[in-house]
Amino acid sequence: AANVTISKDHANLRKTLKPYVEITRGGLKIAILGITTDELVYRWRIKGGGVDLPATTAWKYLPTLRARNDLVIVLSHLGTPADLDLVSKTSGIDLIVGGHSHTRLESPVNAKDLLKRSVPVVQAGEHGNFIGRMLVKVSDDKKMQILKYQLVPVKSEAGQSSDADEIRRLVTEARSLLEQKYSSSWLYETVGFTNIPMVRPKESATVWGGFFMETIRRSASADISLDVGEFHGVSQPAGLITQESLMKSYPRVFDIKQTMGWNIWKIKVPGWMLQLMLDQVVKQGLYMNTAGLTYEVNSAVTGASTRNMKIQGKKIDWFKQYNIAVTEGVGRGTLEISWLLQKMFAPRDTGVPVWTALEKRLRENGGTFAGSAAASPVGMIR
């Protein structure tokens, strides 16, 4: 991560995190330069440090890396649109292997750099569902050509490959560490049952998403609850719900010592600002998971916007202060990004972990979330 500045207080991280590596493969000298997102919603977490502009950082290293290597690869966590933008502002990059936007690129996309060279950008989607495989040829004049590119689906079993035993060993080792940290009795404790899959509310409302949002709304005694669908983990099948199921449904932890995941937070937002917040989310193409709040997306306008917003079935009052339950990613952000946001939103930590609140409500519901009583009919209407 070349554009991450680490403070002296984090000596181990300063020692471990490198801007680039240089390796030799098949007689080729290859440089791999790491660049991560400088978006404010992530940048604030680096206390005493910061994240520099991607293009500015790239220019700092590219001339040297280009001069002494046959191939320069950027390992990026910027997202595909930002990867293409980085190419257009630089020269000397041969290839970008990207992440962050969870874009499943079935074939490389290209952008022109400042020297009008075509630079490919690749990305293999989200959550390790695919692994990208690529074969490139580098000519004597250091021009790169992609000979083969494909996304290989990753299955639950390693199959008959020669690496299967090693993969299973690594999985078993990781499972053992998890059991040591949380104890097997807690991880595998049954807390409920569902006769329908626990579907991740990534792009639209789901039964599990509604149960989740109503749970944190009630836990915080709030008017409504808001959360970005992207924060949720993978969907899970119908059947027994264990403590580990709840972890998988929302696999978010801020600090190593905070082992029970994100807490539920509470903020105060006036109606007019709530409208602006939702507009910004839908303009980015994200789905805002809600409880106590319904809205429509007007996709006919450029960039999309929201309309017909109602809270508890009533038209929103632009000047009323609403109590909103959010997860810690939003709550701590409003607390720590700037004093202005802290003043505006008055964020407060309820001290209740998301996983704990879900377990409690499942038990109160007799151990099930499916059915009409499980989730209120809230969310986005397209």
Protein backbone atom coordinates (compact mmCIF):
# COMPACT_ATOMS: atom_id res chain seq x y z
CA ALA A 1 0.00 0.00 0.00
CA ALA A 2 2.16 2.80 -1.31
CA ASN A 3 -0.31 5.60 -0.55
CA VAL A 4 -0.93 4.72 3.10
CA THR A 5 0.95 6.78 5.68
CA ILE A 6 1.34 5.04 9.04
CA SER A 7 2.11 6.96 12.23
CA LYS A 8 5.11 6.15 14.43
CA ASP A 9 2.69 4.80 17.05
CA HIS A 10 2.09 1.73 14.85
CA ALA A 11 5.66 0.46 14.53
CA ASN A 12 4.72 -3.09 13.51
CA LEU A 13 2.48 -1.88 10.73
CA ARG A 14 5.10 0.59 9.50
CA LYS A 15 7.59 -2.27 9.38
CA THR A 16 5.25 -4.72 7.64
CA LEU A 17 3.34 -2.59 5.14
CA LYS A 18 5.46 -1.97 2.04
CA PRO A 19 4.74 0.33 -0.92
CA TYR A 20 5.78 -2.27 -3.51
CA VAL A 21 7.60 -5.55 -4.10
CA GLU A 22 9.93 -6.53 -6.93
CA ILE A 23 10.15 -10.17 -7.99
CA THR A 24 11.64 -12.21 -10.83
CA ARG A 25 9.54 -14.79 -12.66
CA GLY A 26 10.47 -16.62 -15.86
CA GLY A 27 13.41 -14.33 -16.36
CA LEU A 28 11.22 -11.21 -16.12
CA LYS A 29 11.67 -8.50 -13.51
CA ILE A 30 8.23 -7.57 -12.19
CA ALA A 31 7.21 -4.71 -9.89
CA ILE A 32 3.92 -4.84 -7.96
CA LEU A 33 2.81 -1.45 -6.61
CA GLY A 34 0.00 -1.39 -4.02
CA ILE A 35 -2.53 1.45 -4.00
CA THR A 36 -5.70 1.64 -1.91
CA THR A 37 -8.77 3.87 -1.85
CA ASP A 38 -8.52 7.40 -0.50
CA GLU A 39 -12.29 7.69 0.05
CA LEU A 40 -13.13 9.61 3.22
CA VAL A 41 -15.38 6.85 4.57
CA TYR A 42 -12.27 4.65 4.91
CA ARG A 43 -9.46 7.19 5.27
CA TRP A 44 -10.56 8.45 8.70
CA ARG A 45 -9.70 5.13 10.33
CA ILE A 46 -5.94 5.63 9.89
CA LYS A 47 -5.25 7.59 13.08
CA GLY A 48 -2.14 9.72 12.95
CA GLY A 49 -1.61 8.83 9.30
CA GLY A 50 -3.54 9.13 6.08
CA VAL A 51 -4.09 8.00 2.51
CA ASP A 52 -2.57 10.00 -0.33
CA LEU A 53 -4.11 10.53 -3.75
CA PRO A 54 -3.65 7.40 -5.92
CA ALA A 55 -2.32 9.22 -9.00
CA THR A 56 0.08 11.38 -6.98
CA THR A 57 1.47 8.28 -5.28
CA ALA A 58 1.74 6.36 -8.55
CA TRP A 59 3.85 9.15 -10.09
CA LYS A 60 6.13 9.02 -7.05
CA TYR A 61 7.10 5.39 -7.77
CA LEU A 62 6.39 4.65 -11.44
CA PRO A 63 9.48 6.23 -13.06
CA THR A 64 11.88 4.22 -10.88
CA LEU A 65 9.92 0.97 -11.07
CA ARG A 66 9.49 1.33 -14.83
CA ALA A 67 13.23 1.90 -15.35
CA ARG A 68 14.37 -1.25 -13.58
CA ASN A 69 11.56 -3.72 -14.35
CA ASP A 70 10.10 -5.40 -17.42
CA LEU A 71 6.54 -5.32 -16.09
CA VAL A 72 4.76 -2.96 -13.67
CA ILE A 73 1.54 -4.19 -12.09
CA VAL A 74 -0.64 -2.09 -9.81
CA LEU A 75 -2.41 -4.13 -7.13
CA SER A 76 -5.35 -1.87 -6.47
CA HIS A 77 -8.14 -1.53 -3.95
CA LEU A 78 -9.68 1.48 -5.69
CA GLY A 79 -12.60 -0.03 -7.60
CA THR A 80 -12.83 -0.41 -11.37
CA PRO A 81 -13.97 3.17 -12.20
CA ALA A 82 -11.12 4.59 -10.12
CA ASP A 83 -8.67 2.11 -11.69
CA LEU A 84 -9.56 3.40 -15.15
CA ASP A 85 -9.18 6.96 -13.90
CA LEU A 86 -5.74 6.14 -12.49
CA VAL A 87 -4.62 4.84 -15.87
CA SER A 88 -5.76 8.05 -17.59
CA LYS A 89 -3.69 10.18 -15.21
CA THR A 90 -0.43 8.23 -15.36
CA SER A 91 1.98 6.40 -17.63
CA GLY A 92 4.16 3.38 -16.96
CA ILE A 93 1.51 0.95 -15.68
CA ASP A 94 1.20 -2.29 -17.66
CA LEU A 95 -1.70 -3.89 -15.80
CA ILE A 96 -4.06 -3.19 -12.89
CA VAL A 97 -5.37 -6.07 -10.78
CA GLY A 98 -8.22 -4.47 -8.86
CA GLY A 99 -10.68 -4.90 -6.02
CA HIS A 100 -13.03 -2.87 -3.78
CA SER A 101 -15.93 -2.41 -6.22
CA HIS A 102 -16.65 -6.18 -6.31
CA THR A 103 -16.76 -6.00 -10.11
CA ARG A 104 -16.75 -9.37 -11.86
CA LEU A 105 -14.92 -8.64 -15.08
CA GLU A 106 -15.38 -11.57 -17.45
CA SER A 107 -12.86 -9.90 -19.76
CA PRO A 108 -10.33 -7.11 -19.18
CA VAL A 109 -11.42 -3.50 -19.62
CA ASN A 110 -8.94 -1.03 -21.07
CA ALA A 111 -8.11 2.64 -20.66
CA LYS A 112 -5.56 4.87 -22.37
CA ASP A 113 -2.73 6.29 -20.31
CA LEU A 114 -1.06 9.65 -20.93
CA LEU A 115 1.13 8.09 -23.63
CA LYS A 116 -1.97 6.64 -25.32
CA ARG A 117 -0.98 3.10 -24.34
CA SER A 118 -3.88 0.73 -23.73
CA VAL A 119 -3.73 -0.57 -20.15
CA PRO A 120 -5.96 -3.50 -19.09
CA VAL A 121 -7.81 -3.60 -15.77
CA VAL A 122 -9.00 -6.91 -14.30
CA GLN A 123 -11.03 -7.86 -11.22
CA ALA A 124 -12.52 -11.15 -10.03
CA GLY A 125 -15.64 -10.02 -8.17
CA GLU A 126 -16.37 -10.44 -4.47
CA HIS A 127 -15.81 -12.71 -1.48
CA GLY A 128 -13.44 -15.11 -3.24
CA ASN A 129 -16.20 -16.58 -5.40
CA PHE A 130 -13.83 -16.47 -8.38
CA ILE A 131 -10.08 -16.51 -8.92
CA GLY A 132 -8.70 -14.70 -11.92
CA ARG A 133 -6.27 -16.63 -14.12
CA MET A 134 -4.24 -14.72 -16.66
CA LEU A 135 -1.34 -15.54 -18.98
CA VAL A 136 0.66 -12.62 -20.37
CA LYS A 137 3.56 -12.29 -22.77
CA VAL A 138 6.15 -9.54 -22.45
CA SER A 139 8.19 -8.77 -25.57
CA ASP A 140 11.77 -7.56 -25.67
CA ASP A 141 10.60 -3.95 -25.88
CA LYS A 142 8.59 -4.45 -22.64
CA LYS A 143 5.19 -4.48 -24.33
CA MET A 144 2.68 -6.73 -22.62
CA GLN A 145 0.07 -8.87 -24.35
CA ILE A 146 -2.67 -10.88 -22.64
CA LEU A 147 -2.74 -14.38 -24.12
CA LYS A 148 -5.37 -15.88 -21.85
CA TYR A 149 -7.81 -14.57 -19.24
CA GLN A 150 -10.58 -16.30 -17.34
CA LEU A 151 -12.44 -16.25 -14.03
CA VAL A 152 -12.37 -19.62 -12.33
CA PRO A 153 -15.30 -20.34 -9.96
CA VAL A 154 -14.23 -21.41 -6.50
CA LYS A 155 -16.28 -24.32 -5.18
CA SER A 156 -16.77 -25.49 -1.62
CA GLU A 157 -14.69 -28.58 -2.29
CA ALA A 158 -11.23 -28.51 -3.83
CA GLY A 159 -12.17 -31.45 -6.09
CA GLN A 160 -9.51 -33.82 -7.34
CA SER A 161 -6.75 -31.26 -7.76
CA SER A 162 -3.32 -32.01 -6.39
CA ASP A 163 -3.69 -29.04 -4.04
CA ALA A 164 -6.86 -30.36 -2.39
CA ASP A 165 -5.15 -31.79 0.70
CA GLU A 166 -3.22 -28.58 1.32
CA ILE A 167 -6.37 -26.47 0.96
CA ARG A 168 -8.22 -28.70 3.41
CA ARG A 169 -5.32 -28.44 5.86
CA LEU A 170 -5.45 -24.64 5.72
CA VAL A 171 -9.23 -24.64 6.19
CA THR A 172 -8.93 -27.00 9.17
CA GLU A 173 -6.23 -24.83 10.69
CA ALA A 174 -8.34 -21.68 10.30
CA ARG A 175 -11.34 -23.47 11.81
CA SER A 176 -9.24 -24.53 14.80
CA LEU A 177 -8.13 -20.95 15.43
CA LEU A 178 -11.74 -19.77 15.26
CA GLU A 179 -12.82 -22.40 17.78
CA GLN A 180 -9.99 -21.42 20.11
CA LYS A 181 -10.97 -17.75 19.99
CA TYR A 182 -14.73 -18.14 20.44
CA SER A 183 -15.03 -21.72 21.85
CA SER A 184 -16.80 -24.51 20.01
CA SER A 185 -19.70 -24.52 22.47
CA TRP A 186 -20.50 -20.88 21.63
CA LEU A 187 -19.86 -21.04 17.87
CA TYR A 188 -22.10 -24.01 17.25
CA GLU A 189 -24.82 -23.13 19.76
CA THR A 190 -28.23 -23.16 18.07
CA VAL A 191 -30.09 -19.89 18.55
CA GLY A 192 -32.87 -20.34 16.00
CA PHE A 193 -34.21 -21.95 12.87
CA THR A 194 -35.28 -20.70 9.45
CA ASN A 195 -37.27 -22.50 6.77
CA ILE A 196 -36.09 -20.03 4.12
CA PRO A 197 -32.54 -18.94 3.20
CA MET A 198 -30.96 -15.99 5.02
CA VAL A 199 -30.52 -13.92 1.86
CA ARG A 200 -28.09 -11.00 1.90
CA PRO A 201 -29.92 -7.68 1.21
CA LYS A 202 -27.29 -6.45 -1.21
CA GLU A 203 -29.45 -5.07 -4.02
CA SER A 204 -33.01 -5.25 -2.68
CA ALA A 205 -35.07 -6.04 0.40
CA THR A 206 -35.02 -9.61 1.73
CA VAL A 207 -36.80 -11.30 4.63
CA TRP A 208 -33.53 -11.65 6.54
CA GLY A 209 -32.59 -8.06 5.74
CA GLY A 210 -35.92 -6.87 7.11
CA PHE A 211 -35.51 -8.95 10.28
CA PHE A 212 -32.00 -7.57 10.73
CA MET A 213 -33.04 -3.94 10.34
CA GLU A 214 -36.10 -4.21 12.54
CA THR A 215 -33.93 -5.85 15.19
CA ILE A 216 -31.43 -3.00 15.39
CA ARG A 217 -34.26 -0.43 15.24
CA ARG A 218 -35.97 -2.00 18.24
CA SER A 219 -32.72 -2.51 20.10
CA ALA A 220 -31.91 1.21 19.85
CA SER A 221 -35.53 2.33 20.44
CA ALA A 222 -35.22 4.37 17.25
CA ASP A 223 -37.75 5.74 14.76
CA ILE A 224 -36.02 4.03 11.84
CA SER A 225 -32.85 2.07 11.04
CA LEU A 226 -30.49 2.43 8.08
CA ASP A 227 -27.68 0.24 6.81
CA VAL A 228 -25.92 -0.30 3.49
CA GLY A 229 -26.64 -3.72 2.00
CA GLU A 230 -22.97 -4.11 1.05
CA PHE A 231 -22.06 -4.41 4.75
CA HIS A 232 -23.79 -7.79 5.00
CA GLY A 233 -21.98 -11.10 4.61
CA VAL A 234 -22.80 -14.03 2.40
CA SER A 235 -26.29 -15.51 2.10
CA GLN A 236 -26.86 -18.71 4.07
CA PRO A 237 -29.14 -21.70 3.54
CA ALA A 238 -32.31 -22.56 5.39
CA GLY A 239 -31.94 -24.63 8.55
CA LEU A 240 -30.45 -24.17 12.00
CA ILE A 241 -29.16 -20.72 12.92
CA THR A 242 -26.06 -20.82 15.12
CA GLN A 243 -23.95 -18.08 16.67
CA GLU A 244 -21.58 -18.58 13.74
CA SER A 245 -24.49 -18.03 11.34
CA LEU A 246 -25.01 -14.58 12.87
CA MET A 247 -21.29 -13.85 12.53
CA LYS A 248 -21.35 -14.85 8.87
CA SER A 249 -24.45 -12.77 8.19
CA TYR A 250 -22.66 -9.62 9.38
CA PRO A 251 -18.89 -10.29 9.53
CA ARG A 252 -17.81 -6.84 10.71
CA VAL A 253 -15.23 -6.20 13.45
CA PHE A 254 -13.50 -2.88 14.05
CA ASP A 255 -10.73 -3.76 16.46
CA ILE A 256 -8.96 -6.99 17.38
CA LYS A 257 -10.10 -6.74 21.01
CA GLN A 258 -13.71 -6.11 19.99
CA THR A 259 -14.47 -9.77 19.36
CA MET A 260 -18.27 -9.55 19.25
CA GLY A 261 -18.39 -7.43 16.10
CA TRP A 262 -19.90 -4.03 15.45
CA ASN A 263 -22.20 -2.45 18.00
CA ILE A 264 -25.51 -0.77 17.30
CA TRP A 265 -25.27 3.01 17.34
CA LYS A 266 -27.84 5.79 17.39
CA ILE A 267 -27.74 9.13 15.56
CA LYS A 268 -30.13 12.07 15.16
CA VAL A 269 -30.89 13.37 11.67
CA PRO A 270 -33.40 16.00 10.47
CA GLY A 271 -35.77 14.93 7.71
CA TRP A 272 -34.21 17.12 5.02
CA MET A 273 -30.73 15.68 5.67
CA LEU A 274 -32.10 12.14 5.65
CA GLN A 275 -33.32 12.78 2.11
CA LEU A 276 -29.85 14.00 1.06
CA MET A 277 -28.17 10.98 2.65
CA LEU A 278 -30.40 8.53 0.79
CA ASP A 279 -29.92 10.38 -2.49
CA GLN A 280 -26.15 10.04 -2.17
CA VAL A 281 -26.42 6.31 -1.50
CA VAL A 282 -28.64 5.55 -4.50
CA LYS A 283 -26.50 7.74 -6.78
CA GLN A 284 -23.60 5.43 -5.99
CA GLY A 285 -25.72 2.45 -7.03
CA LEU A 286 -25.92 1.05 -3.50
CA TYR A 287 -28.97 -0.35 -1.76
CA MET A 288 -29.98 1.21 1.56
CA ASN A 289 -31.53 -1.41 3.81
CA THR A 290 -34.13 0.12 6.15
CA ALA A 291 -36.77 -0.47 8.80
CA GLY A 292 -39.52 2.01 9.66
CA LEU A 293 -38.77 3.87 6.43
CA THR A 294 -39.96 3.39 2.86
CA TYR A 295 -38.90 5.27 -0.23
CA GLU A 296 -38.95 5.04 -3.99
CA VAL A 297 -36.02 5.36 -6.34
CA ASN A 298 -36.52 7.71 -9.26
CA SER A 299 -34.14 6.18 -11.78
CA ALA A 300 -35.46 8.40 -14.60
CA VAL A 301 -33.28 11.30 -13.47
CA THR A 302 -29.53 11.49 -14.03
CA GLY A 303 -27.73 9.76 -11.18
CA ALA A 304 -31.01 8.59 -9.57
CA SER A 305 -32.71 10.09 -6.53
CA THR A 306 -35.28 9.17 -3.89
CA ARG A 307 -38.89 10.29 -3.54
CA ASN A 308 -42.12 9.59 -1.63
CA MET A 309 -40.23 8.96 1.59
CA LYS A 310 -42.36 7.84 4.54
CA ILE A 311 -41.49 7.11 8.16
CA GLN A 312 -43.77 4.71 9.98
CA GLY A 313 -46.22 5.17 7.11
CA LYS A 314 -46.32 8.95 7.43
CA LYS A 315 -44.86 11.55 5.08
CA ILE A 316 -41.45 12.69 6.26
CA ASP A 317 -41.25 15.94 8.23
CA TRP A 318 -38.31 17.87 6.80
CA PHE A 319 -37.63 19.74 10.06
CA LYS A 320 -38.16 16.94 12.59
CA GLN A 321 -35.19 15.30 14.28
CA TYR A 322 -35.44 11.54 13.81
CA ASN A 323 -33.69 8.96 15.97
CA ILE A 324 -31.94 6.53 13.66
CA ALA A 325 -30.36 3.18 14.51
CA VAL A 326 -27.21 2.45 12.50
CA THR A 327 -24.36 -0.01 12.72
CA GLU A 328 -20.97 0.96 14.07
CA GLY A 329 -19.44 1.62 10.67
CA VAL A 330 -21.77 4.59 10.26
CA GLY A 331 -21.95 5.57 13.93
CA ARG A 332 -18.23 5.71 14.60
CA GLY A 333 -17.69 7.41 11.27
CA THR A 334 -19.96 10.32 12.21
CA LEU A 335 -18.19 10.50 15.58
CA GLU A 336 -14.62 10.46 14.33
CA ILE A 337 -14.53 11.79 10.77
CA SER A 338 -14.97 15.41 11.89
CA TRP A 339 -16.24 17.52 14.76
CA LEU A 340 -18.88 18.94 12.43
CA LEU A 341 -20.47 15.54 11.80
CA GLN A 342 -20.26 14.77 15.51
CA LYS A 343 -22.11 18.00 16.27
CA MET A 344 -24.74 17.41 13.59
CA PHE A 345 -25.55 13.76 14.26
CA ALA A 346 -24.84 13.38 18.02
CA PRO A 347 -23.75 9.74 17.57
CA ARG A 348 -24.09 7.43 20.57
CA ASP A 349 -22.93 3.86 21.07
CA THR A 350 -25.71 1.71 22.58
CA GLY A 351 -23.11 -0.84 23.68
CA VAL A 352 -25.17 -3.68 22.19
CA PRO A 353 -23.38 -5.83 19.59
CA VAL A 354 -25.34 -6.58 16.41
CA TRP A 355 -24.88 -10.35 16.85
CA THR A 356 -26.19 -10.20 20.43
CA ALA A 357 -29.28 -8.23 19.42
CA LEU A 358 -30.07 -10.72 16.64
CA GLU A 359 -29.68 -13.67 19.01
CA LYS A 360 -31.95 -12.06 21.60
CA ARG A 361 -34.74 -11.34 19.11
CA LEU A 362 -34.53 -14.82 17.60
CA ARG A 363 -35.02 -16.33 21.04
CA GLU A 364 -37.89 -13.95 21.74
CA ASN A 365 -39.49 -15.06 18.46
CA GLY A 366 -39.33 -18.67 19.51
CA GLY A 367 -36.17 -19.25 17.53
CA THR A 368 -37.45 -18.38 14.04
CA PHE A 369 -37.42 -15.29 11.86
CA ALA A 370 -39.45 -16.51 8.87
CA GLY A 371 -43.11 -15.56 8.57
CA SER A 372 -45.22 -12.44 8.70
CA ALA A 373 -44.20 -11.51 12.24
CA ALA A 374 -40.51 -11.65 11.52
CA ALA A 375 -39.90 -8.55 9.46
CA SER A 376 -41.91 -5.42 8.89
CA PRO A 377 -42.82 -4.56 5.27
CA VAL A 378 -40.20 -1.86 4.83
CA GLY A 379 -37.47 -1.03 2.37
CA MET A 380 -37.06 0.33 -1.10
CA ILE A 381 -39.78 0.33 -3.73
CA ARG A 382 -38.57 0.49 -7.31
